[in-house]
Every structure is written in C-alpha cells, then in structure tokens.
C-alpha cells in the first residue's frame, strides 16, 4: 500500500496504527505536539528513580495487543507487577480488591510504561515529528496539507488519522479547510459526547522502606467520595526505585482536581501528602522529594461512537484514541488504533 498517511498524536493509539500501516507498506509520518512518545502512558526519571505518572500499568485484553507487546516488540525489561489493587472508601477504610481483577497480570517496563511507544517507533522505523503543533488541516485536490502557526508541516497526504483527546480534535476540525460544513458539524457533535476528567498526579519520595496498607501494590477509591482517587507503590516495579527509598504515585480525584486546578504546585503537593499519610501508617519521615503533573485531559468518562465518525473516511479522515473507549485503558486505546488502520488499509486499497 504505497499511500502517504499523516497521524496526529504520538499516543499509543496513533503509534499502534502507524505500526500496522508501516508494516503494510504505507509512508507514515506522525506529528506530536510534545517531545515525548506514548501520550498519557507517561514516565519520568528523577534522582535515579523511574516512575509512571499517567497510566500506571497495563493489562493485555486481546490477542492482537498481546502479539504487539509480546511478539512484535522486544520484551527486554518488561516486568510483571506483584501485589493487588485494593479499594478504600470515602472514610479511608481499606478492603480487599476485586479477586477477578487482581487475578490478571499487571505490566510495566523497567524503563517505564512509555517504553511501549518508544519500541513501536524503533521497531517499525516510524518518522515522528516532535514539538510540532498542528493547528489546521487543509484538503485540496483530494490531498491533505497539515499546517502549524509558522507554516506547512507536511503535504500531499492521502489520509489523516486524528488521535488527540476529543476537545483538541474538535478544535482541529473547526479550523479545517476543504471539509463539508455539514459533515464537520456532525463530527464535532459526536466528539462532544466524549467528556474528560482533569486530574493531578503527585509523586512522593521518602528515605526508608515502607508500604501501602495491606501491603497492596495500589489502592483505588471505590465510592468516589475521597479526595484521592488512586495511590500506588512504585517500588513494586523492578528497576524503578533506588534501594532504601519508597516512592508513591498519588492521583487526586477529578472533583478535588477541578476545585484546585489553578492552585500553586506547592499547595497541591502539601495537600496530597497530608491526605496520603493515613494510607502509609501516618508517621512518615520527611518528604525527600516530589514531582507533579496537571493532566487537563486525564481520561474520558463518556465515549463518542466510532461508527458515527465513518462518513469522514470518504475524504480520507479517520479517528482513534480513548475518545472512543470512554475510559483510560492502554489496551483499548491500542485497539482503536488497530481498527482505524484496518479501515484505512481497506479504503485506500480501493483508490
């Protein structure tokens, strides 16, 4: 398939699509607004520690995803996480988690969960233009041109795959030239059904070795009545935390995040430490260091219908991402990328 394809967004849905399309012989170029890969499957390093500050782990939910992660990509550094995900309520009472959910293997990498995207790019030889913010799509003579504020990022594309969160995709569609206004309105309306939570992630590092309540890998709020939504023990991932230290990832609830979204970083970290302390035994040593991330579009809680987006394929416009999942799950996001790639292959083969 000797077609030229642009993919906007180097999250895992976009990169999964790129991997499949490149394997089919397409000329694929990915445009990413940031410097990194894997989107919200994000990892950082600080003070000789590595930690996942977006998606915290992944499971394998289909054979197609398993083939990508365990056969197509190198498995060096892939690590299974030991420990359960237990639950807590609004009062902070901790109980055992769902046995069926805990029975499934949880995975990350020694170098962090963002390794997935890096290995996809390396294995398929995908061309990624980082630090490139696409602001406008232009369709003319059955070809697509991608523009930034400063000029043309790429042109002559037979098809474009859009993978950003719904609000950002809507902005691109509304700025698009050469698309029927009625079609654009229908696409924007459907994308508007996908709503996203904002969320703070706070990373807390201490000298000394200690664990979460019940010696769990992670705790998740079951009734959505606590200011913390999620808390995990990064030490459970081999290679992530230096010896003699303990590192915890705290994700605040969307409600608490919305109330405090514009608060200073220092205030948010202090509040997170105070609210996390009871789950760590209460008597904590001084905080060694911390890190912080504001996720404006952390994860969706409602989804758009991918079937309603298919009329856009007639003009070479396609969509993927967790916008069509309704929750933040790595395997499901990857699957939307594969589905979009299959659709693109079938359509472009007819042209």
Protein backbone atom coordinates (compact mmCIF):
# COMPACT_ATOMS: atom_id res chain seq x y z
CA UNK A 1 0.00 0.00 0.00
CA UNK A 2 2.06 2.94 -1.27
CA UNK A 3 -0.04 5.71 0.29
CA UNK A 4 1.09 8.72 2.28
CA UNK A 5 -0.54 8.96 5.69
CA UNK A 6 -0.35 11.56 8.46
CA UNK A 7 -1.11 10.67 12.07
CA UNK A 8 -1.67 13.45 14.57
CA UNK A 9 -0.69 12.39 18.07
CA UNK A 10 2.07 10.02 19.21
CA UNK A 11 -0.04 8.41 21.90
CA UNK A 12 -0.44 4.65 21.83
CA UNK A 13 -3.50 4.62 19.56
CA UNK A 14 -1.69 6.67 16.92
CA UNK A 15 1.52 4.69 17.21
CA UNK A 16 -0.31 1.35 17.05
CA UNK A 17 -1.98 2.50 13.83
CA UNK A 18 1.38 3.70 12.49
CA UNK A 19 2.97 0.33 13.31
CA UNK A 20 0.33 -1.59 11.35
CA UNK A 21 0.24 0.84 8.42
CA UNK A 22 4.04 0.96 8.10
CA UNK A 23 4.07 -2.82 8.10
CA UNK A 24 1.62 -2.73 5.19
CA UNK A 25 3.97 -0.52 3.18
CA UNK A 26 2.40 2.89 3.77
CA UNK A 27 4.51 6.04 4.01
CA UNK A 28 3.58 7.14 7.54
CA UNK A 29 4.51 10.31 9.38
CA UNK A 30 3.44 11.07 12.96
CA UNK A 31 3.10 14.62 14.30
CA UNK A 32 3.33 15.11 18.07
CA UNK A 33 2.97 18.39 19.95
CA UNK A 34 5.33 17.37 22.79
CA UNK A 35 8.85 15.96 22.86
CA UNK A 36 7.83 12.54 24.18
CA UNK A 37 6.07 9.42 22.94
CA UNK A 38 3.18 7.35 24.33
CA UNK A 39 0.91 10.24 25.36
CA UNK A 40 -0.61 9.72 28.79
CA UNK A 41 1.23 6.41 29.14
CA UNK A 42 3.95 8.64 30.54
CA UNK A 43 7.15 8.04 32.51
CA UNK A 44 9.77 10.29 34.08
CA UNK A 45 13.15 9.99 35.76
CA UNK A 46 14.31 11.92 38.82
CA UNK A 47 17.11 11.30 41.32
CA UNK A 48 17.85 7.82 39.90
CA UNK A 49 14.19 6.79 40.13
CA UNK A 50 11.85 5.97 37.26
CA UNK A 51 8.07 6.27 37.65
CA UNK A 52 4.84 6.15 35.67
CA UNK A 53 2.88 9.34 36.30
CA UNK A 54 -0.01 8.86 33.87
CA UNK A 55 -1.31 5.37 33.16
CA UNK A 56 0.25 3.33 35.95
CA UNK A 57 0.19 -0.16 34.42
CA UNK A 58 -1.43 -2.12 31.64
CA UNK A 59 -3.15 -5.45 31.16
CA UNK A 60 -3.41 -7.45 27.96
CA UNK A 61 -7.01 -7.80 26.83
CA UNK A 62 -6.79 -9.25 23.31
CA UNK A 63 -4.62 -11.46 21.13
CA UNK A 64 -3.89 -8.52 18.82
CA UNK A 65 -2.49 -6.44 21.68
CA UNK A 66 -0.61 -9.47 23.03
CA UNK A 67 1.05 -10.04 19.66
CA UNK A 68 2.19 -6.42 19.54
CA UNK A 69 3.58 -6.29 23.09
CA UNK A 70 4.94 -9.82 23.46
CA UNK A 71 5.93 -10.78 19.90
CA UNK A 72 6.36 -7.78 17.60
CA UNK A 73 8.16 -5.62 20.18
CA UNK A 74 11.24 -6.57 22.23
CA UNK A 75 10.27 -7.85 25.67
CA UNK A 76 13.52 -6.90 27.41
CA UNK A 77 12.73 -5.01 30.61
CA UNK A 78 9.05 -5.98 30.59
CA UNK A 79 8.10 -6.55 34.22
CA UNK A 80 5.07 -8.04 35.92
CA UNK A 81 3.87 -6.09 38.95
CA UNK A 82 3.44 -8.08 42.14
CA UNK A 83 0.63 -7.11 44.50
CA UNK A 84 -3.10 -6.45 44.45
CA UNK A 85 -5.10 -3.33 43.77
CA UNK A 86 -7.19 -2.93 46.93
CA UNK A 87 -10.04 -0.49 47.50
CA UNK A 88 -10.84 2.25 50.00
CA UNK A 89 -13.93 4.31 50.70
CA UNK A 90 -14.54 7.96 51.48
CA UNK A 91 -13.54 7.46 55.12
CA UNK A 92 -10.21 5.86 54.09
CA UNK A 93 -11.19 2.33 55.12
CA UNK A 94 -9.21 -0.19 53.04
CA UNK A 95 -10.63 -3.53 51.91
CA UNK A 96 -9.58 -6.29 49.50
CA UNK A 97 -9.98 -5.56 45.82
CA UNK A 98 -11.92 -7.49 43.20
CA UNK A 99 -10.41 -11.02 43.03
CA UNK A 100 -11.17 -11.34 39.31
CA UNK A 101 -9.48 -8.04 38.51
CA UNK A 102 -6.48 -8.88 40.67
CA UNK A 103 -6.09 -12.31 39.05
CA UNK A 104 -4.97 -10.73 35.77
CA UNK A 105 -1.32 -9.85 35.24
CA UNK A 106 -0.35 -6.16 35.54
CA UNK A 107 2.62 -4.94 33.49
CA UNK A 108 5.05 -2.09 33.05
CA UNK A 109 8.71 -1.82 31.98
CA UNK A 110 11.87 -1.28 33.99
CA UNK A 111 12.35 1.93 31.99
CA UNK A 112 8.73 2.97 32.48
CA UNK A 113 5.44 2.47 30.71
CA UNK A 114 6.33 4.99 27.99
CA UNK A 115 8.71 2.29 26.69
CA UNK A 116 5.78 0.93 24.67
CA UNK A 117 5.69 3.93 22.35
CA UNK A 118 9.46 4.14 22.04
CA UNK A 119 9.69 0.48 20.99
CA UNK A 120 6.85 0.81 18.48
CA UNK A 121 8.68 3.70 16.82
CA UNK A 122 12.03 1.90 16.84
CA UNK A 123 10.74 -1.45 15.62
CA UNK A 124 8.70 -0.02 12.73
CA UNK A 125 11.09 2.81 11.86
CA UNK A 126 8.31 5.38 12.17
CA UNK A 127 9.06 9.02 11.36
CA UNK A 128 7.88 11.19 14.26
CA UNK A 129 7.94 14.97 14.09
CA UNK A 130 8.07 16.05 17.74
CA UNK A 131 7.42 19.52 19.14
CA UNK A 132 5.06 20.07 16.22
CA UNK A 133 1.65 21.57 16.98
CA UNK A 134 -0.74 21.07 14.07
CA UNK A 135 -3.23 23.94 14.03
CA UNK A 136 -5.04 23.44 10.71
CA UNK A 137 -5.88 20.75 8.17
CA UNK A 138 -6.43 21.73 4.54
CA UNK A 139 -7.95 19.41 1.93
CA UNK A 140 -7.39 20.31 -1.70
CA UNK A 141 -7.34 18.17 -4.84
CA UNK A 142 -8.04 15.05 -2.72
CA UNK A 143 -4.85 15.57 -0.70
CA UNK A 144 -4.27 16.83 2.83
CA UNK A 145 -1.88 19.54 3.99
CA UNK A 146 -1.02 19.94 7.68
CA UNK A 147 -0.17 23.40 8.95
CA UNK A 148 1.36 24.87 12.09
CA UNK A 149 1.25 28.51 13.18
CA UNK A 150 4.55 29.02 11.36
CA UNK A 151 3.85 27.26 8.07
CA UNK A 152 3.41 23.85 6.47
CA UNK A 153 4.35 20.75 8.48
CA UNK A 154 3.60 18.30 5.69
CA UNK A 155 1.57 17.99 2.50
CA UNK A 156 0.37 15.54 -0.12
CA UNK A 157 -1.20 13.11 2.36
CA UNK A 158 -3.82 10.67 1.12
CA UNK A 159 -5.30 10.26 4.60
CA UNK A 160 -5.09 11.75 8.09
CA UNK A 161 -5.68 9.96 11.39
CA UNK A 162 -6.64 12.17 14.35
CA UNK A 163 -5.93 10.72 17.81
CA UNK A 164 -5.86 13.63 20.35
CA UNK A 165 -8.47 13.89 23.12
CA UNK A 166 -11.88 14.94 21.80
CA UNK A 167 -11.67 18.64 22.76
CA UNK A 168 -8.40 19.04 20.85
CA UNK A 169 -9.71 17.09 17.86
CA UNK A 170 -12.78 19.35 17.78
CA UNK A 171 -10.51 22.39 17.58
CA UNK A 172 -8.73 20.91 14.56
CA UNK A 173 -11.98 20.08 12.80
CA UNK A 174 -13.40 23.53 13.37
CA UNK A 175 -10.26 25.04 11.81
CA UNK A 176 -10.28 22.57 8.91
CA UNK A 177 -10.49 23.87 5.32
CA UNK A 178 -11.99 21.89 2.47
CA UNK A 179 -14.45 19.85 4.51
CA UNK A 180 -18.21 19.98 4.06
CA UNK A 181 -19.71 22.14 6.87
CA UNK A 182 -22.49 19.63 7.48
CA UNK A 183 -20.05 16.76 7.86
CA UNK A 184 -17.85 18.85 10.13
CA UNK A 185 -20.85 19.73 12.31
CA UNK A 186 -21.83 16.06 12.63
CA UNK A 187 -18.30 15.01 13.58
CA UNK A 188 -17.95 17.78 16.14
CA UNK A 189 -21.32 16.93 17.68
CA UNK A 190 -20.38 13.29 18.10
CA UNK A 191 -16.96 14.10 19.54
CA UNK A 192 -18.66 16.43 22.02
CA UNK A 193 -20.21 13.38 23.66
CA UNK A 194 -16.78 12.32 24.91
CA UNK A 195 -16.10 14.10 28.20
CA UNK A 196 -12.78 14.12 30.05
CA UNK A 197 -11.78 14.35 33.69
CA UNK A 198 -8.86 16.53 34.71
CA UNK A 199 -6.52 15.04 37.30
CA UNK A 200 -3.41 15.86 39.31
CA UNK A 201 -0.64 13.32 39.70
CA UNK A 202 1.71 13.83 42.65
CA UNK A 203 4.86 11.76 43.17
CA UNK A 204 6.15 11.38 46.76
CA UNK A 205 9.59 10.02 47.57
CA UNK A 206 10.84 9.14 51.08
CA UNK A 207 14.03 7.75 52.53
CA UNK A 208 13.34 4.40 54.13
CA UNK A 209 11.31 1.38 53.15
CA UNK A 210 7.61 1.12 53.87
CA UNK A 211 4.40 0.07 52.08
CA UNK A 212 0.75 0.83 51.45
CA UNK A 213 -1.99 -0.50 53.71
CA UNK A 214 -2.46 -4.29 53.36
CA UNK A 215 0.88 -4.36 51.51
CA UNK A 216 -1.00 -3.65 48.27
CA UNK A 217 0.56 -2.54 45.00
CA UNK A 218 -2.13 0.12 44.74
CA UNK A 219 -5.29 1.47 46.32
CA UNK A 220 -8.30 2.76 44.39
CA UNK A 221 -11.23 4.74 45.78
CA UNK A 222 -14.36 2.63 45.28
CA UNK A 223 -17.13 5.12 46.14
CA UNK A 224 -15.59 8.28 44.60
CA UNK A 225 -16.02 10.07 47.91
CA UNK A 226 -12.35 10.55 48.81
CA UNK A 227 -10.04 13.35 47.67
CA UNK A 228 -7.56 10.71 46.47
CA UNK A 229 -8.65 8.54 43.55
CA UNK A 230 -5.58 6.30 43.25
CA UNK A 231 -2.34 5.62 45.09
CA UNK A 232 0.35 3.15 44.03
CA UNK A 233 3.67 1.88 45.32
CA UNK A 234 6.23 2.31 42.54
CA UNK A 235 8.71 0.06 44.36
CA UNK A 236 6.65 -2.90 43.12
CA UNK A 237 8.06 -2.30 39.63
CA UNK A 238 11.58 -3.72 39.25
CA UNK A 239 14.20 -1.12 38.47
CA UNK A 240 12.05 1.91 39.29
CA UNK A 241 13.13 2.98 42.77
CA UNK A 242 16.58 3.24 44.31
CA UNK A 243 17.42 0.96 47.24
CA UNK A 244 16.50 2.34 50.64
CA UNK A 245 13.77 4.62 49.25
CA UNK A 246 9.99 4.46 48.88
CA UNK A 247 8.12 6.15 46.05
CA UNK A 248 4.36 6.58 45.78
CA UNK A 249 2.21 7.91 42.94
CA UNK A 250 -0.90 9.76 44.13
CA UNK A 251 -3.69 10.75 41.76
CA UNK A 252 -6.24 13.15 43.16
CA UNK A 253 -9.93 12.76 42.43
CA UNK A 254 -11.35 14.67 39.46
CA UNK A 255 -13.66 16.61 41.80
CA UNK A 256 -10.78 17.72 44.05
CA UNK A 257 -8.65 18.47 40.99
CA UNK A 258 -11.33 20.68 39.46
CA UNK A 259 -11.67 22.66 42.69
CA UNK A 260 -7.93 23.24 42.95
CA UNK A 261 -6.83 23.24 39.30
CA UNK A 262 -5.27 26.71 39.44
CA UNK A 263 -3.74 26.29 42.91
CA UNK A 264 0.04 26.58 43.27
CA UNK A 265 2.01 23.39 42.80
CA UNK A 266 3.41 23.52 46.35
CA UNK A 267 -0.07 23.71 47.89
CA UNK A 268 -1.26 20.71 45.89
CA UNK A 269 1.74 18.59 46.87
CA UNK A 270 1.29 19.50 50.55
CA UNK A 271 -2.41 18.58 50.42
CA UNK A 272 -1.68 15.28 48.67
CA UNK A 273 0.94 14.37 51.27
CA UNK A 274 -1.47 15.08 54.10
CA UNK A 275 -4.26 13.03 52.55
CA UNK A 276 -1.94 10.13 51.60
CA UNK A 277 -0.30 9.83 55.03
CA UNK A 278 -3.05 7.66 56.66
CA UNK A 279 -2.58 5.00 53.95
CA UNK A 280 1.14 4.85 54.81
CA UNK A 281 0.79 4.42 58.54
CA UNK A 282 0.54 8.10 59.39
CA UNK A 283 4.02 8.51 60.97
CA UNK A 284 6.06 9.45 57.91
CA UNK A 285 9.67 10.58 57.62
CA UNK A 286 10.24 13.98 55.97
CA UNK A 287 9.46 14.11 52.28
CA UNK A 288 12.69 13.60 50.33
CA UNK A 289 11.45 14.98 47.02
CA UNK A 290 8.28 15.26 44.95
CA UNK A 291 7.05 15.71 41.41
CA UNK A 292 3.79 16.94 39.94
CA UNK A 293 1.71 16.81 36.74
CA UNK A 294 -1.52 18.59 35.81
CA UNK A 295 -3.43 16.42 33.34
CA UNK A 296 -6.14 18.56 31.76
CA UNK A 297 -7.49 15.61 29.76
CA UNK A 298 -6.51 12.76 32.05
CA UNK A 299 -9.07 10.20 30.94
CA UNK A 300 -12.55 10.12 29.39
CA UNK A 301 -15.64 9.13 31.34
CA UNK A 302 -18.02 9.06 28.36
CA UNK A 303 -17.30 7.96 24.80
CA UNK A 304 -18.06 9.00 21.23
CA UNK A 305 -19.32 6.35 18.81
CA UNK A 306 -16.66 5.41 16.21
CA UNK A 307 -19.38 4.32 13.79
CA UNK A 308 -20.69 7.89 13.67
CA UNK A 309 -17.26 9.10 12.52
CA UNK A 310 -17.03 6.80 9.49
CA UNK A 311 -18.60 9.20 6.94
CA UNK A 312 -15.34 11.19 7.18
CA UNK A 313 -13.45 8.27 5.64
CA UNK A 314 -14.84 9.32 2.24
CA UNK A 315 -12.46 12.28 2.33
CA UNK A 316 -9.56 10.39 3.93
CA UNK A 317 -10.18 11.47 7.53
CA UNK A 318 -10.05 8.91 10.34
CA UNK A 319 -10.16 8.85 14.16
CA UNK A 320 -8.80 6.78 17.05
CA UNK A 321 -7.98 7.06 20.75
CA UNK A 322 -9.65 6.70 24.12
CA UNK A 323 -12.24 9.24 22.98
CA UNK A 324 -13.98 6.11 21.64
CA UNK A 325 -13.36 3.97 24.72
CA UNK A 326 -14.88 6.11 27.46
CA UNK A 327 -12.16 5.27 29.97
CA UNK A 328 -8.40 5.43 30.14
CA UNK A 329 -7.14 1.96 29.25
CA UNK A 330 -3.96 1.28 27.29
CA UNK A 331 -5.05 -1.95 25.53
CA UNK A 332 -8.37 -0.49 24.42
CA UNK A 333 -6.67 2.65 23.09
CA UNK A 334 -4.24 0.48 21.12
CA UNK A 335 -7.17 -1.48 19.72
CA UNK A 336 -8.81 1.72 18.39
CA UNK A 337 -5.55 2.45 16.55
CA UNK A 338 -5.52 -1.01 15.01
CA UNK A 339 -9.18 -0.66 13.99
CA UNK A 340 -8.54 2.69 12.32
CA UNK A 341 -5.52 1.27 10.49
CA UNK A 342 -7.56 -1.65 9.16
CA UNK A 343 -10.22 0.73 7.91
CA UNK A 344 -7.62 2.94 6.25
CA UNK A 345 -5.95 -0.03 4.56
CA UNK A 346 -9.26 -1.24 3.13
CA UNK A 347 -10.36 2.21 1.93
CA UNK A 348 -7.03 3.27 0.43
CA UNK A 349 -6.64 -0.02 -1.41
CA UNK A 350 -9.76 0.89 -3.40
CA UNK A 351 -8.42 4.28 -4.52
